Amino acid sequence: MQAPPNIEDLITLREASRLIPGRPHVSTLFRWIKQGKLQAWKVNQATCTTRDALQALIEPVQATGCRSRGAYDRGAILKAVGLGSTQLP
């Protein structure tokens, strides 16, 4: 695990879920952290991540150009992080 970033760069998982196309549930972000797909840090009792970590997570999906009605396809995002479309929450 890398050294934690500056406190100003951290965002909560709730904020992070709002920034990801398809708005996955916070529990999905926790699962991605546990699987090592999303980098995160504990600050007091809150789990936080960074915009850079989110970008690293969704960049491969954006590169494929998977889009649906102006938003990125949630199924494609979940496939990119190793979750099949059958495991949608």
PDB file of N, CA and C in Angstrom:
ATOM      1  N   MET A   1       0.846  -1.186   0.000  1.00  0.00           N
ATOM      2  CA  MET A   1       0.000   0.000   0.000  1.00  0.00           C
ATOM      3  C   MET A   1       0.883   1.238   0.000  1.00  0.00           C
ATOM      4  N   GLN A   2       0.520   2.193  -0.808  1.00  0.00           N
ATOM      5  CA  GLN A   2       1.273   3.432  -0.893  1.00  0.00           C
ATOM      6  C   GLN A   2       1.047   4.292   0.339  1.00  0.00           C
ATOM      7  N   ALA A   3       1.932   5.271   0.477  1.00  0.00           N
ATOM      8  CA  ALA A   3       1.759   6.242   1.561  1.00  0.00           C
ATOM      9  C   ALA A   3       0.472   7.027   1.319  1.00  0.00           C
ATOM     10  N   PRO A   4      -0.210   7.415   2.374  1.00  0.00           N
ATOM     11  CA  PRO A   4      -1.463   8.152   2.193  1.00  0.00           C
ATOM     12  C   PRO A   4      -1.224   9.510   1.541  1.00  0.00           C
ATOM     13  N   PRO A   5      -2.167   9.949   0.711  1.00  0.00           N
ATOM     14  CA  PRO A   5      -2.047  11.255   0.066  1.00  0.00           C
ATOM     15  C   PRO A   5      -2.333  12.378   1.059  1.00  0.00           C
ATOM     16  N   ASN A   6      -2.195  13.599   0.585  1.00  0.00           N
ATOM     17  CA  ASN A   6      -2.560  14.756   1.416  1.00  0.00           C
ATOM     18  C   ASN A   6      -4.024  14.658   1.789  1.00  0.00           C
ATOM     19  N   ILE A   7      -4.341  15.102   2.961  1.00  0.00           N
ATOM     20  CA  ILE A   7      -5.717  15.032   3.460  1.00  0.00           C
ATOM     21  C   ILE A   7      -6.679  15.792   2.538  1.00  0.00           C
ATOM     22  N   GLU A   8      -6.191  16.827   1.865  1.00  0.00           N
ATOM     23  CA  GLU A   8      -7.040  17.621   0.962  1.00  0.00           C
ATOM     24  C   GLU A   8      -7.448  16.830  -0.275  1.00  0.00           C
ATOM     25  N   ASP A   9      -6.678  15.790  -0.628  1.00  0.00           N
ATOM     26  CA  ASP A   9      -6.967  14.994  -1.817  1.00  0.00           C
ATOM     27  C   ASP A   9      -7.963  13.876  -1.559  1.00  0.00           C
ATOM     28  N   LEU A  10      -8.252  13.590  -0.298  1.00  0.00           N
ATOM     29  CA  LEU A  10      -9.128  12.469   0.042  1.00  0.00           C
ATOM     30  C   LEU A  10     -10.597  12.836  -0.096  1.00  0.00           C
ATOM     31  N   ILE A  11     -11.380  11.863  -0.550  1.00  0.00           N
ATOM     32  CA  ILE A  11     -12.836  12.014  -0.611  1.00  0.00           C
ATOM     33  C   ILE A  11     -13.452  10.769   0.022  1.00  0.00           C
ATOM     34  N   THR A  12     -14.630  10.928   0.591  1.00  0.00           N
ATOM     35  CA  THR A  12     -15.300   9.792   1.215  1.00  0.00           C
ATOM     36  C   THR A  12     -15.817   8.855   0.127  1.00  0.00           C
ATOM     37  N   LEU A  13     -16.140   7.646   0.514  1.00  0.00           N
ATOM     38  CA  LEU A  13     -16.671   6.690  -0.456  1.00  0.00           C
ATOM     39  C   LEU A  13     -18.036   7.119  -0.971  1.00  0.00           C
ATOM     40  N   ARG A  14     -18.806   7.798  -0.144  1.00  0.00           N
ATOM     41  CA  ARG A  14     -20.099   8.313  -0.613  1.00  0.00           C
ATOM     42  C   ARG A  14     -19.889   9.340  -1.735  1.00  0.00           C
ATOM     43  N   GLU A  15     -18.924  10.246  -1.534  1.00  0.00           N
ATOM     44  CA  GLU A  15     -18.606  11.217  -2.587  1.00  0.00           C
ATOM     45  C   GLU A  15     -18.085  10.502  -3.824  1.00  0.00           C
ATOM     46  N   ALA A  16     -17.262   9.504  -3.608  1.00  0.00           N
ATOM     47  CA  ALA A  16     -16.675   8.759  -4.725  1.00  0.00           C
ATOM     48  C   ALA A  16     -17.754   8.057  -5.543  1.00  0.00           C
ATOM     49  N   SER A  17     -18.739   7.469  -4.867  1.00  0.00           N
ATOM     50  CA  SER A  17     -19.791   6.757  -5.601  1.00  0.00           C
ATOM     51  C   SER A  17     -20.591   7.702  -6.486  1.00  0.00           C
ATOM     52  N   ARG A  18     -20.698   8.941  -6.082  1.00  0.00           N
ATOM     53  CA  ARG A  18     -21.410   9.937  -6.896  1.00  0.00           C
ATOM     54  C   ARG A  18     -20.614  10.353  -8.118  1.00  0.00           C
ATOM     55  N   LEU A  19     -19.300  10.193  -8.074  1.00  0.00           N
ATOM     56  CA  LEU A  19     -18.441  10.600  -9.184  1.00  0.00           C
ATOM     57  C   LEU A  19     -18.274   9.519 -10.243  1.00  0.00           C
ATOM     58  N   ILE A  20     -18.519   8.271  -9.878  1.00  0.00           N
ATOM     59  CA  ILE A  20     -18.330   7.164 -10.815  1.00  0.00           C
ATOM     60  C   ILE A  20     -19.569   7.027 -11.690  1.00  0.00           C
ATOM     61  N   PRO A  21     -19.371   6.914 -13.007  1.00  0.00           N
ATOM     62  CA  PRO A  21     -20.523   6.701 -13.890  1.00  0.00           C
ATOM     63  C   PRO A  21     -21.306   5.469 -13.459  1.00  0.00           C
ATOM     64  N   GLY A  22     -22.612   5.589 -13.413  1.00  0.00           N
ATOM     65  CA  GLY A  22     -23.465   4.500 -12.974  1.00  0.00           C
ATOM     66  C   GLY A  22     -23.744   4.526 -11.483  1.00  0.00           C
ATOM     67  N   ARG A  23     -23.048   5.361 -10.756  1.00  0.00           N
ATOM     68  CA  ARG A  23     -23.228   5.542  -9.311  1.00  0.00           C
ATOM     69  C   ARG A  23     -23.355   4.224  -8.538  1.00  0.00           C
ATOM     70  N   PRO A  24     -22.293   3.441  -8.507  1.00  0.00           N
ATOM     71  CA  PRO A  24     -22.375   2.191  -7.746  1.00  0.00           C
ATOM     72  C   PRO A  24     -22.578   2.479  -6.259  1.00  0.00           C
ATOM     73  N   HIS A  25     -23.176   1.538  -5.565  1.00  0.00           N
ATOM     74  CA  HIS A  25     -23.433   1.689  -4.133  1.00  0.00           C
ATOM     75  C   HIS A  25     -22.109   1.686  -3.368  1.00  0.00           C
ATOM     76  N   VAL A  26     -22.105   2.331  -2.232  1.00  0.00           N
ATOM     77  CA  VAL A  26     -20.906   2.415  -1.400  1.00  0.00           C
ATOM     78  C   VAL A  26     -20.394   1.018  -1.041  1.00  0.00           C
ATOM     79  N   SER A  27     -21.295   0.080  -0.835  1.00  0.00           N
ATOM     80  CA  SER A  27     -20.864  -1.288  -0.512  1.00  0.00           C
ATOM     81  C   SER A  27     -20.081  -1.910  -1.669  1.00  0.00           C
ATOM     82  N   THR A  28     -20.399  -1.506  -2.892  1.00  0.00           N
ATOM     83  CA  THR A  28     -19.637  -1.978  -4.056  1.00  0.00           C
ATOM     84  C   THR A  28     -18.222  -1.437  -3.993  1.00  0.00           C
ATOM     85  N   LEU A  29     -18.069  -0.171  -3.617  1.00  0.00           N
ATOM     86  CA  LEU A  29     -16.739   0.406  -3.484  1.00  0.00           C
ATOM     87  C   LEU A  29     -15.944  -0.310  -2.397  1.00  0.00           C
ATOM     88  N   PHE A  30     -16.589  -0.654  -1.282  1.00  0.00           N
ATOM     89  CA  PHE A  30     -15.910  -1.424  -0.233  1.00  0.00           C
ATOM     90  C   PHE A  30     -15.427  -2.772  -0.779  1.00  0.00           C
ATOM     91  N   ARG A  31     -16.260  -3.410  -1.598  1.00  0.00           N
ATOM     92  CA  ARG A  31     -15.877  -4.697  -2.178  1.00  0.00           C
ATOM     93  C   ARG A  31     -14.670  -4.517  -3.098  1.00  0.00           C
ATOM     94  N   TRP A  32     -14.660  -3.456  -3.914  1.00  0.00           N
ATOM     95  CA  TRP A  32     -13.528  -3.200  -4.812  1.00  0.00           C
ATOM     96  C   TRP A  32     -12.257  -2.934  -4.010  1.00  0.00           C
ATOM     97  N   ILE A  33     -12.389  -2.266  -2.880  1.00  0.00           N
ATOM     98  CA  ILE A  33     -11.227  -2.021  -2.010  1.00  0.00           C
ATOM     99  C   ILE A  33     -10.703  -3.348  -1.474  1.00  0.00           C
ATOM    100  N   LYS A  34     -11.612  -4.181  -0.992  1.00  0.00           N
ATOM    101  CA  LYS A  34     -11.228  -5.481  -0.436  1.00  0.00           C
ATOM    102  C   LYS A  34     -10.548  -6.355  -1.498  1.00  0.00           C
ATOM    103  N   GLN A  35     -11.002  -6.233  -2.737  1.00  0.00           N
ATOM    104  CA  GLN A  35     -10.433  -7.016  -3.838  1.00  0.00           C
ATOM    105  C   GLN A  35      -9.147  -6.402  -4.388  1.00  0.00           C
ATOM    106  N   GLY A  36      -8.791  -5.215  -3.893  1.00  0.00           N
ATOM    107  CA  GLY A  36      -7.566  -4.560  -4.343  1.00  0.00           C
ATOM    108  C   GLY A  36      -7.716  -3.783  -5.643  1.00  0.00           C
ATOM    109  N   LYS A  37      -8.945  -3.526  -6.054  1.00  0.00           N
ATOM    110  CA  LYS A  37      -9.193  -2.811  -7.307  1.00  0.00           C
ATOM    111  C   LYS A  37      -9.286  -1.301  -7.116  1.00  0.00           C
ATOM    112  N   LEU A  38      -9.537  -0.869  -5.896  1.00  0.00           N
ATOM    113  CA  LEU A  38      -9.636   0.554  -5.579  1.00  0.00           C
ATOM    114  C   LEU A  38      -8.786   0.821  -4.342  1.00  0.00           C
ATOM    115  N   GLN A  39      -7.918   1.788  -4.468  1.00  0.00           N
ATOM    116  CA  GLN A  39      -7.036   2.132  -3.351  1.00  0.00           C
ATOM    117  C   GLN A  39      -7.783   3.036  -2.370  1.00  0.00           C
ATOM    118  N   ALA A  40      -7.587   2.785  -1.075  1.00  0.00           N
ATOM    119  CA  ALA A  40      -8.289   3.561  -0.050  1.00  0.00           C
ATOM    120  C   ALA A  40      -7.448   3.650   1.212  1.00  0.00           C
ATOM    121  N   TRP A  41      -7.815   4.608   2.061  1.00  0.00           N
ATOM    122  CA  TRP A  41      -7.138   4.838   3.336  1.00  0.00           C
ATOM    123  C   TRP A  41      -8.181   5.085   4.407  1.00  0.00           C
ATOM    124  N   LYS A  42      -7.839   4.741   5.635  1.00  0.00           N
ATOM    125  CA  LYS A  42      -8.691   5.038   6.788  1.00  0.00           C
ATOM    126  C   LYS A  42      -8.269   6.378   7.373  1.00  0.00           C
ATOM    127  N   VAL A  43      -9.222   7.261   7.571  1.00  0.00           N
ATOM    128  CA  VAL A  43      -8.987   8.544   8.223  1.00  0.00           C
ATOM    129  C   VAL A  43      -9.970   8.602   9.376  1.00  0.00           C
ATOM    130  N   ASN A  44      -9.422   8.535  10.589  1.00  0.00           N
ATOM    131  CA  ASN A  44     -10.257   8.342  11.777  1.00  0.00           C
ATOM    132  C   ASN A  44     -11.065   7.067  11.565  1.00  0.00           C
ATOM    133  N   GLN A  45     -12.383   7.157  11.479  1.00  0.00           N
ATOM    134  CA  GLN A  45     -13.167   5.946  11.243  1.00  0.00           C
ATOM    135  C   GLN A  45     -13.730   5.893   9.828  1.00  0.00           C
ATOM    136  N   ALA A  46     -13.423   6.885   9.015  1.00  0.00           N
ATOM    137  CA  ALA A  46     -13.944   6.937   7.653  1.00  0.00           C
ATOM    138  C   ALA A  46     -12.960   6.305   6.676  1.00  0.00           C
ATOM    139  N   THR A  47     -13.500   5.602   5.702  1.00  0.00           N
ATOM    140  CA  THR A  47     -12.683   5.066   4.617  1.00  0.00           C
ATOM    141  C   THR A  47     -12.752   6.062   3.473  1.00  0.00           C
ATOM    142  N   CYS A  48     -11.582   6.450   2.971  1.00  0.00           N
ATOM    143  CA  CYS A  48     -11.506   7.469   1.926  1.00  0.00           C
ATOM    144  C   CYS A  48     -10.671   6.970   0.756  1.00  0.00           C
ATOM    145  N   THR A  49     -10.857   7.600  -0.381  1.00  0.00           N
ATOM    146  CA  THR A  49     -10.069   7.323  -1.576  1.00  0.00           C
ATOM    147  C   THR A  49      -9.740   8.661  -2.222  1.00  0.00           C
ATOM    148  N   THR A  50      -9.170   8.635  -3.411  1.00  0.00           N
ATOM    149  CA  THR A  50      -8.837   9.870  -4.120  1.00  0.00           C
ATOM    150  C   THR A  50      -9.449   9.843  -5.510  1.00  0.00           C
ATOM    151  N   ARG A  51      -9.542  10.999  -6.117  1.00  0.00           N
ATOM    152  CA  ARG A  51     -10.020  11.089  -7.497  1.00  0.00           C
ATOM    153  C   ARG A  51      -9.069  10.343  -8.434  1.00  0.00           C
ATOM    154  N   ASP A  52      -7.780  10.392  -8.141  1.00  0.00           N
ATOM    155  CA  ASP A  52      -6.807   9.672  -8.967  1.00  0.00           C
ATOM    156  C   ASP A  52      -7.052   8.170  -8.919  1.00  0.00           C
ATOM    157  N   ALA A  53      -7.377   7.644  -7.736  1.00  0.00           N
ATOM    158  CA  ALA A  53      -7.661   6.217  -7.605  1.00  0.00           C
ATOM    159  C   ALA A  53      -8.925   5.846  -8.382  1.00  0.00           C
ATOM    160  N   LEU A  54      -9.929   6.721  -8.343  1.00  0.00           N
ATOM    161  CA  LEU A  54     -11.157   6.477  -9.110  1.00  0.00           C
ATOM    162  C   LEU A  54     -10.865   6.498 -10.600  1.00  0.00           C
ATOM    163  N   GLN A  55     -10.058   7.462 -11.021  1.00  0.00           N
ATOM    164  CA  GLN A  55      -9.718   7.572 -12.438  1.00  0.00           C
ATOM    165  C   GLN A  55      -8.992   6.320 -12.910  1.00  0.00           C
ATOM    166  N   ALA A  56      -8.090   5.797 -12.085  1.00  0.00           N
ATOM    167  CA  ALA A  56      -7.364   4.576 -12.437  1.00  0.00           C
ATOM    168  C   ALA A  56      -8.322   3.388 -12.551  1.00  0.00           C
ATOM    169  N   LEU A  57      -9.399   3.412 -11.786  1.00  0.00           N
ATOM    170  CA  LEU A  57     -10.385   2.337 -11.819  1.00  0.00           C
ATOM    171  C   LEU A  57     -11.224   2.393 -13.088  1.00  0.00           C
ATOM    172  N   ILE A  58     -11.674   3.587 -13.484  1.00  0.00           N
ATOM    173  CA  ILE A  58     -12.610   3.681 -14.610  1.00  0.00           C
ATOM    174  C   ILE A  58     -11.948   3.984 -15.941  1.00  0.00           C
ATOM    175  N   GLU A  59     -10.687   4.360 -15.953  1.00  0.00           N
ATOM    176  CA  GLU A  59     -10.001   4.694 -17.205  1.00  0.00           C
ATOM    177  C   GLU A  59     -10.060   3.579 -18.246  1.00  0.00           C
ATOM    178  N   PRO A  60      -9.810   2.320 -17.873  1.00  0.00           N
ATOM    179  CA  PRO A  60      -9.891   1.260 -18.884  1.00  0.00           C
ATOM    180  C   PRO A  60     -11.278   1.154 -19.521  1.00  0.00           C
ATOM    181  N   VAL A  61     -12.320   1.444 -18.778  1.00  0.00           N
ATOM    182  CA  VAL A  61     -13.677   1.385 -19.315  1.00  0.00           C
ATOM    183  C   VAL A  61     -13.907   2.533 -20.279  1.00  0.00           C
ATOM    184  N   GLN A  62     -13.438   3.728 -19.924  1.00  0.00           N
ATOM    185  CA  GLN A  62     -13.603   4.874 -20.798  1.00  0.00           C
ATOM    186  C   GLN A  62     -12.866   4.664 -22.113  1.00  0.00           C
ATOM    187  N   ALA A  63     -11.734   3.978 -22.077  1.00  0.00           N
ATOM    188  CA  ALA A  63     -10.941   3.746 -23.280  1.00  0.00           C
ATOM    189  C   ALA A  63     -11.683   2.847 -24.267  1.00  0.00           C
ATOM    190  N   THR A  64     -12.566   1.976 -23.784  1.00  0.00           N
ATOM    191  CA  THR A  64     -13.308   1.092 -24.675  1.00  0.00           C
ATOM    192  C   THR A  64     -14.441   1.822 -25.370  1.00  0.00           C
ATOM    193  N   GLY A  65     -14.830   2.971 -24.838  1.00  0.00           N
ATOM    194  CA  GLY A  65     -15.902   3.748 -25.446  1.00  0.00           C
ATOM    195  C   GLY A  65     -17.285   3.193 -25.175  1.00  0.00           C
ATOM    196  N   CYS A  66     -17.420   2.367 -24.174  1.00  0.00           N
ATOM    197  CA  CYS A  66     -18.731   1.813 -23.827  1.00  0.00           C
ATOM    198  C   CYS A  66     -19.596   2.927 -23.256  1.00  0.00           C
ATOM    199  N   ARG A  67     -20.622   3.297 -24.005  1.00  0.00           N
ATOM    200  CA  ARG A  67     -21.498   4.372 -23.546  1.00  0.00           C
ATOM    201  C   ARG A  67     -22.941   3.971 -23.753  1.00  0.00           C
ATOM    202  N   SER A  68     -23.793   4.470 -22.925  1.00  0.00           N
ATOM    203  CA  SER A  68     -25.211   4.197 -23.029  1.00  0.00           C
ATOM    204  C   SER A  68     -25.972   5.458 -22.627  1.00  0.00           C
ATOM    205  N   ARG A  69     -26.695   6.029 -23.563  1.00  0.00           N
ATOM    206  CA  ARG A  69     -27.487   7.235 -23.311  1.00  0.00           C
ATOM    207  C   ARG A  69     -26.682   8.362 -22.679  1.00  0.00           C
ATOM    208  N   GLY A  70     -25.468   8.586 -23.162  1.00  0.00           N
ATOM    209  CA  GLY A  70     -24.669   9.690 -22.661  1.00  0.00           C
ATOM    210  C   GLY A  70     -23.913   9.396 -21.388  1.00  0.00           C
ATOM    211  N   ALA A  71     -24.140   8.249 -20.774  1.00  0.00           N
ATOM    212  CA  ALA A  71     -23.415   7.879 -19.556  1.00  0.00           C
ATOM    213  C   ALA A  71     -22.666   6.586 -19.836  1.00  0.00           C
ATOM    214  N   TYR A  72     -21.647   6.326 -19.080  1.00  0.00           N
ATOM    215  CA  TYR A  72     -20.904   5.094 -19.269  1.00  0.00           C
ATOM    216  C   TYR A  72     -21.745   3.915 -18.829  1.00  0.00           C
ATOM    217  N   ASP A  73     -21.637   2.848 -19.576  1.00  0.00           N
ATOM    218  CA  ASP A  73     -22.420   1.645 -19.336  1.00  0.00           C
ATOM    219  C   ASP A  73     -21.998   0.984 -18.034  1.00  0.00           C
ATOM    220  N   ARG A  74     -22.924   0.857 -17.107  1.00  0.00           N
ATOM    221  CA  ARG A  74     -22.626   0.293 -15.785  1.00  0.00           C
ATOM    222  C   ARG A  74     -22.129  -1.141 -15.893  1.00  0.00           C
ATOM    223  N   GLY A  75     -22.721  -1.908 -16.780  1.00  0.00           N
ATOM    224  CA  GLY A  75     -22.293  -3.285 -16.964  1.00  0.00           C
ATOM    225  C   GLY A  75     -20.849  -3.373 -17.438  1.00  0.00           C
ATOM    226  N   ALA A  76     -20.456  -2.467 -18.329  1.00  0.00           N
ATOM    227  CA  ALA A  76     -19.077  -2.453 -18.811  1.00  0.00           C
ATOM    228  C   ALA A  76     -18.111  -2.079 -17.701  1.00  0.00           C
ATOM    229  N   ILE A  77     -18.515  -1.159 -16.849  1.00  0.00           N
ATOM    230  CA  ILE A  77     -17.671  -0.771 -15.715  1.00  0.00           C
ATOM    231  C   ILE A  77     -17.496  -1.953 -14.778  1.00  0.00           C
ATOM    232  N   LEU A  78     -18.590  -2.636 -14.473  1.00  0.00           N
ATOM    233  CA  LEU A  78     -18.506  -3.777 -13.565  1.00  0.00           C
ATOM    234  C   LEU A  78     -17.681  -4.908 -14.169  1.00  0.00           C
ATOM    235  N   LYS A  79     -17.792  -5.114 -15.487  1.00  0.00           N
ATOM    236  CA  LYS A  79     -16.950  -6.129 -16.129  1.00  0.00           C
ATOM    237  C   LYS A  79     -15.482  -5.760 -16.041  1.00  0.00           C
ATOM    238  N   ALA A  80     -15.174  -4.473 -16.200  1.00  0.00           N
ATOM    239  CA  ALA A  80     -13.791  -4.016 -16.178  1.00  0.00           C
ATOM    240  C   ALA A  80     -13.156  -4.237 -14.810  1.00  0.00           C
ATOM    241  N   VAL A  81     -13.936  -4.195 -13.762  1.00  0.00           N
ATOM    242  CA  VAL A  81     -13.386  -4.424 -12.424  1.00  0.00           C
ATOM    243  C   VAL A  81     -13.580  -5.866 -11.969  1.00  0.00           C
ATOM    244  N   GLY A  82     -13.987  -6.724 -12.907  1.00  0.00           N
ATOM    245  CA  GLY A  82     -14.040  -8.154 -12.609  1.00  0.00           C
ATOM    246  C   GLY A  82     -15.356  -8.682 -12.111  1.00  0.00           C
ATOM    247  N   LEU A  83     -16.407  -7.887 -12.209  1.00  0.00           N
ATOM    248  CA  LEU A  83     -17.723  -8.351 -11.784  1.00  0.00           C
ATOM    249  C   LEU A  83     -18.565  -8.556 -13.023  1.00  0.00           C
ATOM    250  N   GLY A  84     -19.139  -9.709 -13.179  1.00  0.00           N
ATOM    251  CA  GLY A  84     -19.996  -9.980 -14.343  1.00  0.00           C
ATOM    252  C   GLY A  84     -21.295  -9.236 -14.235  1.00  0.00           C
ATOM    253  N   SER A  85     -21.993  -9.124 -15.344  1.00  0.00           N
ATOM    254  CA  SER A  85     -23.284  -8.432 -15.333  1.00  0.00           C
ATOM    255  C   SER A  85     -24.311  -9.197 -14.503  1.00  0.00           C
ATOM    256  N   THR A  86     -24.042 -10.477 -14.227  1.00  0.00           N
ATOM    257  CA  THR A  86     -24.964 -11.248 -13.398  1.00  0.00           C
ATOM    258  C   THR A  86     -24.846 -10.876 -11.923  1.00  0.00           C
ATOM    259  N   GLN A  87     -23.792 -10.145 -11.553  1.00  0.00           N
ATOM    260  CA  GLN A  87     -23.590  -9.782 -10.154  1.00  0.00           C
ATOM    261  C   GLN A  87     -23.960  -8.339  -9.859  1.00  0.00           C
ATOM    262  N   LEU A  88     -24.800  -7.749 -10.697  1.00  0.00           N
ATOM    263  CA  LEU A  88     -25.231  -6.383 -10.434  1.00  0.00           C
ATOM    264  C   LEU A  88     -25.997  -6.329  -9.134  1.00  0.00           C
ATOM    265  N   PRO A  89     -25.743  -5.294  -8.346  1.00  0.00           N
ATOM    266  CA  PRO A  89     -26.458  -5.172  -7.062  1.00  0.00           C
ATOM    267  C   PRO A  89     -27.923  -4.873  -7.268  1.00  0.00           C
TER     268      PRO A  89
END
